[in-house]
Amino acid sequence: MKNTVIFDLDGTILNTLDDLTDAVNFAMRSHGFPEHSAETVKTFVGNGIRKLIERSVPQNCSNEMLEECFTLFCDYYKEHLNDKTCSYDGIMELLQGLKNLGFKTAVVTNKADFAAKALCEKIFGDLIAVTVGSNDSIRHKPYPDGTLKALEILETRAENAFFVGDSDVDVKTAQNAGIDFIGVLWGFRDRTVLEGAGATVFAQNAKELKALLTDTKHRIFQKT
């Protein structure tokens, strides 16, 4: 019986795009670099903050300038990470419903650990039991390190868990950890990207996601 759900954060349960865009553009303006639209920043997100900044600066940017932009981004984002960020429609109700049913929940994200923990604590409180963000001690997704750590803390095995995410990185993470994956279609990547990575099960909204997670027979994941 599956009793655990591991969620990605950005684009899955939280819409963080506007705050990320503001922080990116603060760093870009500080060096006179071109700013980016939210739609462009959306394509840069998913592999951690450093990769986000690498994708945001001009191609001829020096390593020194890159490091300065990274620091500026982090300093700004620490102060403004929850200005515009909010949970997606139905997510709070979904998490409360899972808790009422006895599910264990975790977040595993490539977002910086300080930001992930701050947002989960402020917005979700005890609805998320474990938050594993990006830090120097574990490899980024799609490596399974963070996911396996969350399972260990929750005292759950991979076969008893779902991984829920919005990106190809999340699909590969679930595959590498041996966990069944459900893709959400309201996030930062579209269905074709998820399918290209191997996803086969999708939710259009939080209500559909809850139905998939709480189907006691889990027919969609049965081997044929």
N, C-alpha and C. Protein backbone atom coordinates (compact mmCIF):
# COMPACT_ATOMS: atom_id res chain seq x y z
N MET A 1 0.84 -1.20 0.00
CA MET A 1 0.00 0.00 0.00
C MET A 1 0.88 1.25 0.00
N LYS A 2 0.60 2.14 -0.91
CA LYS A 2 1.37 3.39 -0.96
C LYS A 2 0.85 4.35 0.11
N ASN A 3 1.80 4.93 0.83
CA ASN A 3 1.41 5.82 1.93
C ASN A 3 2.25 7.09 2.00
N THR A 4 3.02 7.36 0.94
CA THR A 4 3.97 8.48 0.96
C THR A 4 3.93 9.22 -0.37
N VAL A 5 4.00 10.56 -0.30
CA VAL A 5 4.06 11.38 -1.51
C VAL A 5 5.23 12.35 -1.38
N ILE A 6 6.12 12.29 -2.35
CA ILE A 6 7.23 13.25 -2.41
C ILE A 6 6.93 14.23 -3.54
N PHE A 7 6.91 15.49 -3.20
CA PHE A 7 6.58 16.54 -4.15
C PHE A 7 7.83 17.33 -4.55
N ASP A 8 7.91 17.69 -5.82
CA ASP A 8 8.76 18.80 -6.21
C ASP A 8 8.13 20.08 -5.66
N LEU A 9 8.88 21.19 -5.67
CA LEU A 9 8.35 22.43 -5.11
C LEU A 9 7.94 23.42 -6.19
N ASP A 10 8.92 24.05 -6.85
CA ASP A 10 8.61 25.08 -7.85
C ASP A 10 7.87 24.49 -9.04
N GLY A 11 6.71 25.04 -9.34
CA GLY A 11 5.94 24.57 -10.48
C GLY A 11 5.07 23.36 -10.19
N THR A 12 5.16 22.82 -8.98
CA THR A 12 4.36 21.64 -8.62
C THR A 12 3.36 21.97 -7.53
N ILE A 13 3.84 22.43 -6.38
CA ILE A 13 2.91 22.85 -5.32
C ILE A 13 2.98 24.35 -5.05
N LEU A 14 4.06 25.00 -5.47
CA LEU A 14 4.17 26.45 -5.32
C LEU A 14 4.45 27.12 -6.65
N ASN A 15 3.74 28.22 -6.91
CA ASN A 15 4.06 29.06 -8.06
C ASN A 15 5.02 30.14 -7.58
N THR A 16 6.29 29.91 -7.82
CA THR A 16 7.36 30.80 -7.36
C THR A 16 7.91 31.69 -8.47
N LEU A 17 7.29 31.64 -9.64
CA LEU A 17 7.90 32.22 -10.83
C LEU A 17 8.11 33.72 -10.73
N ASP A 18 7.14 34.45 -10.22
CA ASP A 18 7.27 35.91 -10.18
C ASP A 18 8.40 36.36 -9.25
N ASP A 19 8.51 35.72 -8.09
CA ASP A 19 9.59 36.09 -7.18
C ASP A 19 10.96 35.70 -7.73
N LEU A 20 11.04 34.57 -8.40
CA LEU A 20 12.29 34.18 -9.03
C LEU A 20 12.66 35.16 -10.14
N THR A 21 11.68 35.57 -10.93
CA THR A 21 11.93 36.52 -12.01
C THR A 21 12.41 37.85 -11.46
N ASP A 22 11.77 38.33 -10.41
CA ASP A 22 12.18 39.60 -9.81
C ASP A 22 13.62 39.53 -9.30
N ALA A 23 13.98 38.41 -8.68
CA ALA A 23 15.34 38.26 -8.15
C ALA A 23 16.37 38.17 -9.27
N VAL A 24 16.04 37.43 -10.32
CA VAL A 24 16.93 37.34 -11.49
C VAL A 24 17.16 38.73 -12.08
N ASN A 25 16.07 39.46 -12.28
CA ASN A 25 16.19 40.76 -12.94
C ASN A 25 16.87 41.81 -12.05
N PHE A 26 16.75 41.67 -10.74
CA PHE A 26 17.51 42.54 -9.84
C PHE A 26 19.01 42.34 -10.07
N ALA A 27 19.42 41.06 -10.15
CA ALA A 27 20.83 40.76 -10.38
C ALA A 27 21.28 41.23 -11.76
N MET A 28 20.42 41.05 -12.78
CA MET A 28 20.78 41.49 -14.13
C MET A 28 20.91 43.02 -14.20
N ARG A 29 19.96 43.73 -13.62
CA ARG A 29 20.01 45.20 -13.64
C ARG A 29 21.26 45.73 -12.95
N SER A 30 21.67 45.07 -11.91
CA SER A 30 22.82 45.53 -11.14
C SER A 30 24.10 45.56 -11.96
N HIS A 31 24.14 44.77 -13.03
CA HIS A 31 25.32 44.74 -13.91
C HIS A 31 25.01 45.25 -15.31
N GLY A 32 23.83 45.82 -15.49
CA GLY A 32 23.47 46.35 -16.79
C GLY A 32 23.19 45.30 -17.83
N PHE A 33 22.87 44.08 -17.38
CA PHE A 33 22.56 43.00 -18.30
C PHE A 33 21.08 43.05 -18.69
N PRO A 34 20.72 42.48 -19.84
CA PRO A 34 19.31 42.45 -20.23
C PRO A 34 18.46 41.68 -19.22
N GLU A 35 17.25 42.18 -18.98
CA GLU A 35 16.32 41.48 -18.09
C GLU A 35 15.53 40.43 -18.86
N HIS A 36 14.82 39.59 -18.13
CA HIS A 36 14.10 38.47 -18.75
C HIS A 36 12.63 38.49 -18.34
N SER A 37 11.78 38.03 -19.23
CA SER A 37 10.37 37.87 -18.91
C SER A 37 10.17 36.65 -18.02
N ALA A 38 9.03 36.58 -17.38
CA ALA A 38 8.71 35.42 -16.56
C ALA A 38 8.68 34.15 -17.40
N GLU A 39 8.18 34.24 -18.62
CA GLU A 39 8.12 33.06 -19.48
C GLU A 39 9.51 32.53 -19.81
N THR A 40 10.48 33.45 -19.95
CA THR A 40 11.85 33.01 -20.20
C THR A 40 12.46 32.41 -18.96
N VAL A 41 12.28 33.06 -17.82
CA VAL A 41 12.83 32.53 -16.57
C VAL A 41 12.26 31.15 -16.28
N LYS A 42 11.00 30.93 -16.63
CA LYS A 42 10.38 29.62 -16.43
C LYS A 42 11.20 28.52 -17.09
N THR A 43 11.77 28.80 -18.25
CA THR A 43 12.56 27.80 -18.97
C THR A 43 13.93 27.60 -18.34
N PHE A 44 14.37 28.54 -17.51
CA PHE A 44 15.68 28.45 -16.85
C PHE A 44 15.63 27.67 -15.54
N VAL A 45 14.43 27.53 -14.97
CA VAL A 45 14.27 26.96 -13.63
C VAL A 45 14.26 25.43 -13.70
N GLY A 46 14.78 24.79 -12.66
CA GLY A 46 14.66 23.34 -12.55
C GLY A 46 15.93 22.62 -12.16
N ASN A 47 17.07 23.31 -12.32
CA ASN A 47 18.35 22.66 -12.03
C ASN A 47 19.15 23.39 -10.95
N GLY A 48 18.46 24.17 -10.13
CA GLY A 48 19.13 24.87 -9.05
C GLY A 48 19.42 26.33 -9.37
N ILE A 49 19.70 27.10 -8.32
CA ILE A 49 19.88 28.55 -8.47
C ILE A 49 21.12 28.89 -9.29
N ARG A 50 22.22 28.18 -9.08
CA ARG A 50 23.42 28.51 -9.85
C ARG A 50 23.19 28.32 -11.34
N LYS A 51 22.54 27.23 -11.72
CA LYS A 51 22.24 27.02 -13.13
C LYS A 51 21.26 28.06 -13.64
N LEU A 52 20.32 28.49 -12.81
CA LEU A 52 19.39 29.57 -13.18
C LEU A 52 20.17 30.84 -13.54
N ILE A 53 21.15 31.20 -12.74
CA ILE A 53 21.93 32.40 -13.01
C ILE A 53 22.83 32.21 -14.22
N GLU A 54 23.41 31.03 -14.37
CA GLU A 54 24.22 30.75 -15.56
C GLU A 54 23.42 30.93 -16.83
N ARG A 55 22.16 30.55 -16.79
CA ARG A 55 21.30 30.67 -17.98
C ARG A 55 20.81 32.10 -18.18
N SER A 56 20.85 32.91 -17.12
CA SER A 56 20.30 34.25 -17.18
C SER A 56 21.30 35.30 -17.65
N VAL A 57 22.59 35.10 -17.34
CA VAL A 57 23.59 36.09 -17.71
C VAL A 57 23.95 35.95 -19.19
N PRO A 58 24.51 37.01 -19.80
CA PRO A 58 24.95 36.90 -21.20
C PRO A 58 26.01 35.83 -21.38
N GLN A 59 26.12 35.30 -22.58
CA GLN A 59 27.04 34.21 -22.84
C GLN A 59 28.50 34.59 -22.60
N ASN A 60 28.82 35.87 -22.81
CA ASN A 60 30.22 36.31 -22.64
C ASN A 60 30.52 36.80 -21.23
N CYS A 61 29.65 36.50 -20.30
CA CYS A 61 29.82 36.95 -18.92
C CYS A 61 31.03 36.26 -18.28
N SER A 62 31.85 37.03 -17.58
CA SER A 62 33.02 36.46 -16.92
C SER A 62 32.60 35.67 -15.68
N ASN A 63 33.47 34.80 -15.23
CA ASN A 63 33.19 34.03 -14.03
C ASN A 63 33.01 34.94 -12.82
N GLU A 64 33.79 36.02 -12.77
CA GLU A 64 33.68 36.96 -11.66
C GLU A 64 32.30 37.62 -11.63
N MET A 65 31.84 38.06 -12.80
CA MET A 65 30.51 38.68 -12.88
C MET A 65 29.42 37.67 -12.58
N LEU A 66 29.61 36.45 -13.04
CA LEU A 66 28.64 35.39 -12.76
C LEU A 66 28.50 35.19 -11.25
N GLU A 67 29.62 35.13 -10.55
CA GLU A 67 29.58 34.95 -9.11
C GLU A 67 28.92 36.15 -8.42
N GLU A 68 29.18 37.34 -8.91
CA GLU A 68 28.55 38.52 -8.33
C GLU A 68 27.04 38.49 -8.53
N CYS A 69 26.61 38.08 -9.72
CA CYS A 69 25.17 37.97 -9.99
C CYS A 69 24.53 36.90 -9.12
N PHE A 70 25.22 35.80 -8.93
CA PHE A 70 24.73 34.72 -8.07
C PHE A 70 24.52 35.23 -6.64
N THR A 71 25.51 35.96 -6.13
CA THR A 71 25.41 36.50 -4.77
C THR A 71 24.29 37.51 -4.66
N LEU A 72 24.17 38.39 -5.66
CA LEU A 72 23.10 39.39 -5.66
C LEU A 72 21.73 38.72 -5.68
N PHE A 73 21.60 37.70 -6.52
CA PHE A 73 20.34 36.97 -6.58
C PHE A 73 19.99 36.38 -5.22
N CYS A 74 20.94 35.68 -4.61
CA CYS A 74 20.68 35.01 -3.33
C CYS A 74 20.30 36.02 -2.25
N ASP A 75 21.05 37.12 -2.18
CA ASP A 75 20.76 38.13 -1.15
C ASP A 75 19.38 38.73 -1.34
N TYR A 76 19.01 39.01 -2.58
CA TYR A 76 17.70 39.59 -2.86
C TYR A 76 16.59 38.57 -2.60
N TYR A 77 16.82 37.35 -3.06
CA TYR A 77 15.77 36.33 -2.96
C TYR A 77 15.48 35.97 -1.50
N LYS A 78 16.51 35.98 -0.65
CA LYS A 78 16.30 35.69 0.77
C LYS A 78 15.29 36.66 1.38
N GLU A 79 15.30 37.90 0.92
CA GLU A 79 14.42 38.93 1.48
C GLU A 79 13.07 38.99 0.78
N HIS A 80 12.96 38.41 -0.40
CA HIS A 80 11.74 38.58 -1.22
C HIS A 80 11.18 37.27 -1.75
N LEU A 81 11.53 36.16 -1.14
CA LEU A 81 11.13 34.87 -1.71
C LEU A 81 9.65 34.57 -1.57
N ASN A 82 8.95 35.34 -0.71
CA ASN A 82 7.53 35.10 -0.51
C ASN A 82 6.68 36.33 -0.78
N ASP A 83 7.18 37.24 -1.60
CA ASP A 83 6.41 38.45 -1.93
C ASP A 83 5.18 38.10 -2.77
N LYS A 84 5.36 37.27 -3.77
CA LYS A 84 4.30 36.95 -4.72
C LYS A 84 4.03 35.44 -4.81
N THR A 85 4.85 34.65 -4.19
CA THR A 85 4.72 33.19 -4.26
C THR A 85 3.46 32.71 -3.55
N CYS A 86 2.80 31.73 -4.15
CA CYS A 86 1.60 31.16 -3.53
C CYS A 86 1.44 29.71 -3.97
N SER A 87 0.65 28.97 -3.23
CA SER A 87 0.37 27.59 -3.62
C SER A 87 -0.60 27.59 -4.80
N TYR A 88 -0.53 26.55 -5.60
CA TYR A 88 -1.46 26.41 -6.73
C TYR A 88 -2.85 26.06 -6.21
N ASP A 89 -3.84 26.31 -7.05
CA ASP A 89 -5.23 26.06 -6.67
C ASP A 89 -5.42 24.62 -6.20
N GLY A 90 -6.02 24.48 -5.04
CA GLY A 90 -6.37 23.17 -4.51
C GLY A 90 -5.27 22.44 -3.79
N ILE A 91 -4.06 22.99 -3.76
CA ILE A 91 -2.94 22.27 -3.15
C ILE A 91 -3.07 22.21 -1.64
N MET A 92 -3.48 23.29 -1.01
CA MET A 92 -3.63 23.26 0.46
C MET A 92 -4.66 22.22 0.87
N GLU A 93 -5.76 22.16 0.15
CA GLU A 93 -6.80 21.17 0.44
C GLU A 93 -6.29 19.76 0.18
N LEU A 94 -5.50 19.60 -0.88
CA LEU A 94 -4.92 18.29 -1.18
C LEU A 94 -4.01 17.83 -0.05
N LEU A 95 -3.13 18.69 0.40
CA LEU A 95 -2.20 18.32 1.46
C LEU A 95 -2.92 18.01 2.76
N GLN A 96 -3.94 18.79 3.07
CA GLN A 96 -4.71 18.53 4.28
C GLN A 96 -5.43 17.19 4.18
N GLY A 97 -5.97 16.91 3.00
CA GLY A 97 -6.65 15.64 2.78
C GLY A 97 -5.71 14.45 2.91
N LEU A 98 -4.50 14.59 2.37
CA LEU A 98 -3.51 13.52 2.49
C LEU A 98 -3.13 13.29 3.95
N LYS A 99 -2.95 14.38 4.67
CA LYS A 99 -2.62 14.25 6.09
C LYS A 99 -3.74 13.54 6.84
N ASN A 100 -4.99 13.90 6.53
CA ASN A 100 -6.13 13.27 7.21
C ASN A 100 -6.20 11.78 6.93
N LEU A 101 -5.71 11.38 5.75
CA LEU A 101 -5.73 9.97 5.37
C LEU A 101 -4.50 9.21 5.86
N GLY A 102 -3.60 9.91 6.53
CA GLY A 102 -2.43 9.25 7.09
C GLY A 102 -1.23 9.16 6.17
N PHE A 103 -1.25 9.89 5.06
CA PHE A 103 -0.11 9.89 4.15
C PHE A 103 1.07 10.64 4.76
N LYS A 104 2.28 10.19 4.44
CA LYS A 104 3.49 10.92 4.76
C LYS A 104 3.85 11.79 3.57
N THR A 105 4.35 12.99 3.81
CA THR A 105 4.64 13.91 2.72
C THR A 105 6.02 14.52 2.87
N ALA A 106 6.65 14.79 1.72
CA ALA A 106 7.96 15.44 1.71
C ALA A 106 8.07 16.30 0.47
N VAL A 107 8.98 17.25 0.51
CA VAL A 107 9.37 18.03 -0.65
C VAL A 107 10.84 17.75 -0.93
N VAL A 108 11.14 17.44 -2.18
CA VAL A 108 12.52 17.29 -2.63
C VAL A 108 12.70 18.20 -3.83
N THR A 109 13.61 19.14 -3.74
CA THR A 109 13.72 20.19 -4.74
C THR A 109 15.17 20.57 -4.99
N ASN A 110 15.45 21.08 -6.18
CA ASN A 110 16.75 21.65 -6.48
C ASN A 110 16.84 23.11 -6.04
N LYS A 111 15.79 23.64 -5.48
CA LYS A 111 15.82 24.98 -4.91
C LYS A 111 16.78 25.00 -3.73
N ALA A 112 17.45 26.11 -3.52
CA ALA A 112 18.37 26.24 -2.39
C ALA A 112 17.67 25.84 -1.10
N ASP A 113 18.38 25.10 -0.27
CA ASP A 113 17.78 24.55 0.94
C ASP A 113 17.19 25.63 1.84
N PHE A 114 17.89 26.78 1.96
CA PHE A 114 17.38 27.84 2.83
C PHE A 114 16.03 28.34 2.34
N ALA A 115 15.87 28.46 1.03
CA ALA A 115 14.63 28.98 0.47
C ALA A 115 13.52 27.93 0.54
N ALA A 116 13.86 26.69 0.23
CA ALA A 116 12.86 25.62 0.27
C ALA A 116 12.28 25.45 1.67
N LYS A 117 13.15 25.40 2.66
CA LYS A 117 12.69 25.22 4.03
C LYS A 117 11.88 26.41 4.52
N ALA A 118 12.32 27.62 4.18
CA ALA A 118 11.60 28.82 4.61
C ALA A 118 10.19 28.85 4.01
N LEU A 119 10.07 28.55 2.72
CA LEU A 119 8.76 28.59 2.07
C LEU A 119 7.85 27.48 2.58
N CYS A 120 8.37 26.28 2.71
CA CYS A 120 7.52 25.17 3.16
C CYS A 120 7.03 25.41 4.59
N GLU A 121 7.90 25.92 5.43
CA GLU A 121 7.50 26.17 6.82
C GLU A 121 6.43 27.27 6.88
N LYS A 122 6.63 28.35 6.13
CA LYS A 122 5.72 29.48 6.19
C LYS A 122 4.37 29.16 5.55
N ILE A 123 4.40 28.50 4.41
CA ILE A 123 3.16 28.30 3.65
C ILE A 123 2.45 27.01 4.04
N PHE A 124 3.20 25.94 4.25
CA PHE A 124 2.58 24.63 4.46
C PHE A 124 2.60 24.15 5.91
N GLY A 125 3.49 24.69 6.71
CA GLY A 125 3.55 24.27 8.12
C GLY A 125 3.74 22.77 8.24
N ASP A 126 2.91 22.13 9.06
CA ASP A 126 3.07 20.69 9.31
C ASP A 126 2.42 19.82 8.24
N LEU A 127 1.93 20.43 7.16
CA LEU A 127 1.38 19.64 6.07
C LEU A 127 2.48 18.98 5.23
N ILE A 128 3.70 19.50 5.34
CA ILE A 128 4.87 18.88 4.73
C ILE A 128 5.81 18.47 5.84
N ALA A 129 6.05 17.17 5.95
CA ALA A 129 6.82 16.66 7.09
C ALA A 129 8.33 16.85 6.92
N VAL A 130 8.82 16.72 5.68
CA VAL A 130 10.26 16.77 5.43
C VAL A 130 10.51 17.62 4.19
N THR A 131 11.50 18.50 4.27
CA THR A 131 11.90 19.30 3.12
C THR A 131 13.39 19.11 2.88
N VAL A 132 13.73 18.67 1.67
CA VAL A 132 15.12 18.48 1.29
C VAL A 132 15.41 19.37 0.09
N GLY A 133 16.19 20.42 0.34
CA GLY A 133 16.57 21.34 -0.72
C GLY A 133 18.00 21.10 -1.17
N SER A 134 18.45 21.96 -2.06
CA SER A 134 19.80 21.84 -2.61
C SER A 134 20.83 22.31 -1.58
N ASN A 135 21.83 21.49 -1.35
CA ASN A 135 22.95 21.87 -0.48
C ASN A 135 24.19 21.10 -0.92
N ASP A 136 25.30 21.38 -0.26
CA ASP A 136 26.58 20.81 -0.69
C ASP A 136 26.73 19.33 -0.34
N SER A 137 25.83 18.80 0.47
CA SER A 137 26.01 17.43 0.96
C SER A 137 25.34 16.37 0.08
N ILE A 138 24.45 16.79 -0.83
CA ILE A 138 23.78 15.82 -1.70
C ILE A 138 23.79 16.34 -3.14
N ARG A 139 23.75 15.41 -4.06
CA ARG A 139 23.73 15.78 -5.47
C ARG A 139 22.32 16.24 -5.88
N HIS A 140 22.29 17.16 -6.84
CA HIS A 140 21.02 17.67 -7.35
C HIS A 140 20.21 16.58 -8.03
N LYS A 141 18.90 16.75 -8.06
CA LYS A 141 18.08 15.97 -8.98
C LYS A 141 18.61 16.21 -10.39
N PRO A 142 18.61 15.22 -11.28
CA PRO A 142 17.89 13.96 -11.20
C PRO A 142 18.59 12.84 -10.42
N TYR A 143 19.73 13.11 -9.80
CA TYR A 143 20.27 12.10 -8.89
C TYR A 143 19.24 11.82 -7.80
N PRO A 144 19.17 10.61 -7.31
CA PRO A 144 18.11 10.25 -6.35
C PRO A 144 18.43 10.58 -4.90
N ASP A 145 19.59 11.20 -4.64
CA ASP A 145 20.08 11.37 -3.27
C ASP A 145 19.06 12.02 -2.34
N GLY A 146 18.50 13.16 -2.77
CA GLY A 146 17.55 13.86 -1.92
C GLY A 146 16.29 13.06 -1.68
N THR A 147 15.84 12.37 -2.70
CA THR A 147 14.65 11.54 -2.58
C THR A 147 14.88 10.37 -1.63
N LEU A 148 16.02 9.73 -1.76
CA LEU A 148 16.34 8.61 -0.87
C LEU A 148 16.50 9.09 0.58
N LYS A 149 17.05 10.29 0.74
CA LYS A 149 17.17 10.85 2.09
C LYS A 149 15.79 11.08 2.70
N ALA A 150 14.87 11.64 1.89
CA ALA A 150 13.51 11.88 2.39
C ALA A 150 12.83 10.57 2.77
N LEU A 151 12.98 9.55 1.94
CA LEU A 151 12.39 8.25 2.25
C LEU A 151 12.95 7.68 3.55
N GLU A 152 14.25 7.86 3.74
CA GLU A 152 14.88 7.36 4.97
C GLU A 152 14.31 8.07 6.19
N ILE A 153 14.19 9.39 6.11
CA ILE A 153 13.66 10.16 7.24
C ILE A 153 12.21 9.75 7.54
N LEU A 154 11.45 9.54 6.47
CA LEU A 154 10.04 9.17 6.63
C LEU A 154 9.86 7.69 6.95
N GLU A 155 10.95 6.94 6.92
CA GLU A 155 10.91 5.50 7.17
C GLU A 155 9.94 4.80 6.21
N THR A 156 10.15 5.11 4.92
CA THR A 156 9.29 4.58 3.85
C THR A 156 10.17 3.99 2.75
N ARG A 157 9.69 2.95 2.11
CA ARG A 157 10.40 2.36 0.99
C ARG A 157 9.89 2.95 -0.33
N ALA A 158 10.73 2.88 -1.35
CA ALA A 158 10.41 3.48 -2.64
C ALA A 158 9.11 2.93 -3.23
N GLU A 159 8.86 1.64 -3.07
CA GLU A 159 7.66 1.05 -3.66
C GLU A 159 6.38 1.52 -2.98
N ASN A 160 6.51 2.17 -1.84
CA ASN A 160 5.33 2.68 -1.12
C ASN A 160 5.12 4.17 -1.33
N ALA A 161 5.84 4.74 -2.30
CA ALA A 161 5.80 6.19 -2.49
C ALA A 161 5.45 6.58 -3.92
N PHE A 162 4.95 7.79 -4.05
CA PHE A 162 4.79 8.47 -5.33
C PHE A 162 5.77 9.64 -5.37
N PHE A 163 6.22 9.99 -6.56
CA PHE A 163 6.92 11.25 -6.77
C PHE A 163 6.04 12.10 -7.69
N VAL A 164 5.74 13.33 -7.27
CA VAL A 164 4.88 14.23 -8.04
C VAL A 164 5.71 15.44 -8.46
N GLY A 165 5.75 15.71 -9.77
CA GLY A 165 6.54 16.83 -10.25
C GLY A 165 6.05 17.37 -11.57
N ASP A 166 6.71 18.43 -12.04
CA ASP A 166 6.25 19.13 -13.24
C ASP A 166 7.30 19.17 -14.35
N SER A 167 8.44 18.48 -14.17
CA SER A 167 9.51 18.64 -15.14
C SER A 167 10.14 17.31 -15.52
N ASP A 168 10.93 17.35 -16.60
CA ASP A 168 11.68 16.18 -17.02
C ASP A 168 12.70 15.78 -15.96
N VAL A 169 13.25 16.76 -15.25
CA VAL A 169 14.17 16.46 -14.14
C VAL A 169 13.48 15.61 -13.09
N ASP A 170 12.22 15.93 -12.79
CA ASP A 170 11.47 15.16 -11.80
C ASP A 170 11.19 13.74 -12.28
N VAL A 171 10.86 13.61 -13.55
CA VAL A 171 10.62 12.26 -14.11
C VAL A 171 11.87 11.40 -13.93
N LYS A 172 13.02 11.94 -14.30
CA LYS A 172 14.27 11.18 -14.19
C LYS A 172 14.63 10.90 -12.74
N THR A 173 14.32 11.84 -11.85
CA THR A 173 14.59 11.62 -10.43
C THR A 173 13.79 10.43 -9.91
N ALA A 174 12.50 10.39 -10.26
CA ALA A 174 11.66 9.28 -9.84
C ALA A 174 12.17 7.96 -10.40
N GLN A 175 12.55 7.97 -11.66
CA GLN A 175 13.09 6.75 -12.27
C GLN A 175 14.35 6.29 -11.56
N ASN A 176 15.23 7.22 -11.26
CA ASN A 176 16.50 6.87 -10.61
C ASN A 176 16.31 6.37 -9.18
N ALA A 177 15.21 6.81 -8.55
CA ALA A 177 14.92 6.38 -7.18
C ALA A 177 14.01 5.16 -7.13
N GLY A 178 13.49 4.74 -8.30
CA GLY A 178 12.59 3.59 -8.34
C GLY A 178 11.21 3.88 -7.79
N ILE A 179 10.71 5.10 -8.05
CA ILE A 179 9.42 5.53 -7.51
C ILE A 179 8.46 5.83 -8.65
N ASP A 180 7.20 5.46 -8.50
CA ASP A 180 6.17 5.78 -9.49
C ASP A 180 5.97 7.29 -9.56
N PHE A 181 5.85 7.79 -10.79
CA PHE A 181 5.79 9.24 -11.03
C PHE A 181 4.43 9.67 -11.53
N ILE A 182 3.97 10.81 -11.03
CA ILE A 182 2.78 11.48 -11.55
C ILE A 182 3.17 12.89 -11.95
N GLY A 183 2.89 13.25 -13.19
CA GLY A 183 3.22 14.58 -13.67
C GLY A 183 2.04 15.53 -13.55
N VAL A 184 2.31 16.75 -13.09
CA VAL A 184 1.27 17.78 -13.02
C VAL A 184 1.41 18.69 -14.24
N LEU A 185 0.28 19.10 -14.78
CA LEU A 185 0.28 19.83 -16.05
C LEU A 185 0.04 21.32 -15.89
N TRP A 186 0.16 21.82 -14.67
CA TRP A 186 0.00 23.27 -14.46
C TRP A 186 1.33 23.97 -14.20
N GLY A 187 2.44 23.25 -14.30
CA GLY A 187 3.71 23.79 -13.86
C GLY A 187 4.56 24.46 -14.92
N PHE A 188 5.88 24.31 -14.80
CA PHE A 188 6.83 25.05 -15.62
C PHE A 188 7.20 24.33 -16.92
N ARG A 189 6.77 23.10 -17.11
CA ARG A 189 7.03 22.37 -18.35
C ARG A 189 5.72 21.79 -18.87
N ASP A 190 5.63 21.59 -20.17
CA ASP A 190 4.38 21.08 -20.72
C ASP A 190 4.42 19.56 -20.85
N ARG A 191 3.29 19.01 -21.23
CA ARG A 191 3.14 17.55 -21.26
C ARG A 191 4.14 16.88 -22.19
N THR A 192 4.44 17.50 -23.32
CA THR A 192 5.36 16.86 -24.27
C THR A 192 6.75 16.67 -23.67
N VAL A 193 7.18 17.62 -22.84
CA VAL A 193 8.48 17.50 -22.17
C VAL A 193 8.46 16.33 -21.20
N LEU A 194 7.38 16.22 -20.44
CA LEU A 194 7.26 15.12 -19.47
C LEU A 194 7.19 13.77 -20.18
N GLU A 195 6.39 13.71 -21.24
CA GLU A 195 6.28 12.46 -21.99
C GLU A 195 7.62 12.08 -22.61
N GLY A 196 8.35 13.07 -23.09
CA GLY A 196 9.65 12.81 -23.68
C GLY A 196 10.63 12.20 -22.68
N ALA A 197 10.43 12.51 -21.40
CA ALA A 197 11.30 11.96 -20.35
C ALA A 197 10.81 10.61 -19.85
N GLY A 198 9.61 10.20 -20.28
CA GLY A 198 9.11 8.89 -19.91
C GLY A 198 7.88 8.87 -19.03
N ALA A 199 7.30 10.04 -18.73
CA ALA A 199 6.11 10.07 -17.88
C ALA A 199 4.89 9.55 -18.64
N THR A 200 4.01 8.84 -17.93
CA THR A 200 2.81 8.29 -18.56
C THR A 200 1.53 8.61 -17.79
N VAL A 201 1.67 9.11 -16.57
CA VAL A 201 0.50 9.40 -15.73
C VAL A 201 0.51 10.88 -15.38
N PHE A 202 -0.66 11.54 -15.58
CA PHE A 202 -0.72 13.00 -15.44
C PHE A 202 -1.97 13.43 -14.70
N ALA A 203 -1.86 14.59 -14.05
CA ALA A 203 -3.01 15.23 -13.40
C ALA A 203 -3.17 16.63 -13.94
N GLN A 204 -4.40 16.97 -14.31
CA GLN A 204 -4.69 18.31 -14.84
C GLN A 204 -4.89 19.32 -13.72
N ASN A 205 -5.28 18.86 -12.54
CA ASN A 205 -5.55 19.76 -11.42
C ASN A 205 -5.39 18.98 -10.12
N ALA A 206 -5.51 19.70 -9.00
CA ALA A 206 -5.29 19.07 -7.70
C ALA A 206 -6.33 17.99 -7.40
N LYS A 207 -7.54 18.17 -7.88
CA LYS A 207 -8.57 17.16 -7.65
C LYS A 207 -8.20 15.85 -8.33
N GLU A 208 -7.73 15.93 -9.58
CA GLU A 208 -7.29 14.72 -10.28
C GLU A 208 -6.09 14.10 -9.58
N LEU A 209 -5.19 14.94 -9.10
CA LEU A 209 -4.01 14.43 -8.42
C LEU A 209 -4.40 13.66 -7.16
N LYS A 210 -5.32 14.20 -6.41
CA LYS A 210 -5.76 13.50 -5.20
C LYS A 210 -6.38 12.15 -5.54
N ALA A 211 -7.16 12.10 -6.61
CA ALA A 211 -7.78 10.84 -7.01
C ALA A 211 -6.72 9.80 -7.36
N LEU A 212 -5.66 10.22 -8.05
CA LEU A 212 -4.59 9.30 -8.42
C LEU A 212 -3.83 8.81 -7.18
N LEU A 213 -3.59 9.72 -6.25
CA LEU A 213 -2.81 9.37 -5.07
C LEU A 213 -3.57 8.48 -4.10
N THR A 214 -4.88 8.64 -4.06
CA THR A 214 -5.66 7.94 -3.03
C THR A 214 -6.46 6.76 -3.57
N ASP A 215 -6.27 6.43 -4.84
CA ASP A 215 -6.88 5.22 -5.39
C ASP A 215 -6.23 4.02 -4.71
N THR A 216 -6.96 3.37 -3.83
CA THR A 216 -6.36 2.31 -3.01
C THR A 216 -5.86 1.12 -3.83
N LYS A 217 -6.41 0.95 -5.02
CA LYS A 217 -5.96 -0.16 -5.87
C LYS A 217 -4.78 0.24 -6.75
N HIS A 218 -4.61 1.56 -6.97
CA HIS A 218 -3.52 2.06 -7.80
C HIS A 218 -3.44 1.31 -9.13
N ARG A 219 -4.57 1.21 -9.79
CA ARG A 219 -4.64 0.42 -11.01
C ARG A 219 -3.70 0.93 -12.09
N ILE A 220 -3.48 2.26 -12.12
CA ILE A 220 -2.66 2.81 -13.19
C ILE A 220 -1.21 2.39 -13.10
N PHE A 221 -0.80 1.89 -11.93
CA PHE A 221 0.59 1.51 -11.74
C PHE A 221 0.79 0.00 -11.69
N GLN A 222 -0.29 -0.74 -11.90
CA GLN A 222 -0.15 -2.19 -11.86
C GLN A 222 0.58 -2.70 -13.09
N LYS A 223 1.44 -3.68 -12.89
CA LYS A 223 2.13 -4.31 -14.00
C LYS A 223 1.16 -5.18 -14.80
N THR A 224 1.29 -5.16 -16.11
CA THR A 224 0.40 -5.96 -16.94
C THR A 224 1.15 -7.21 -17.44
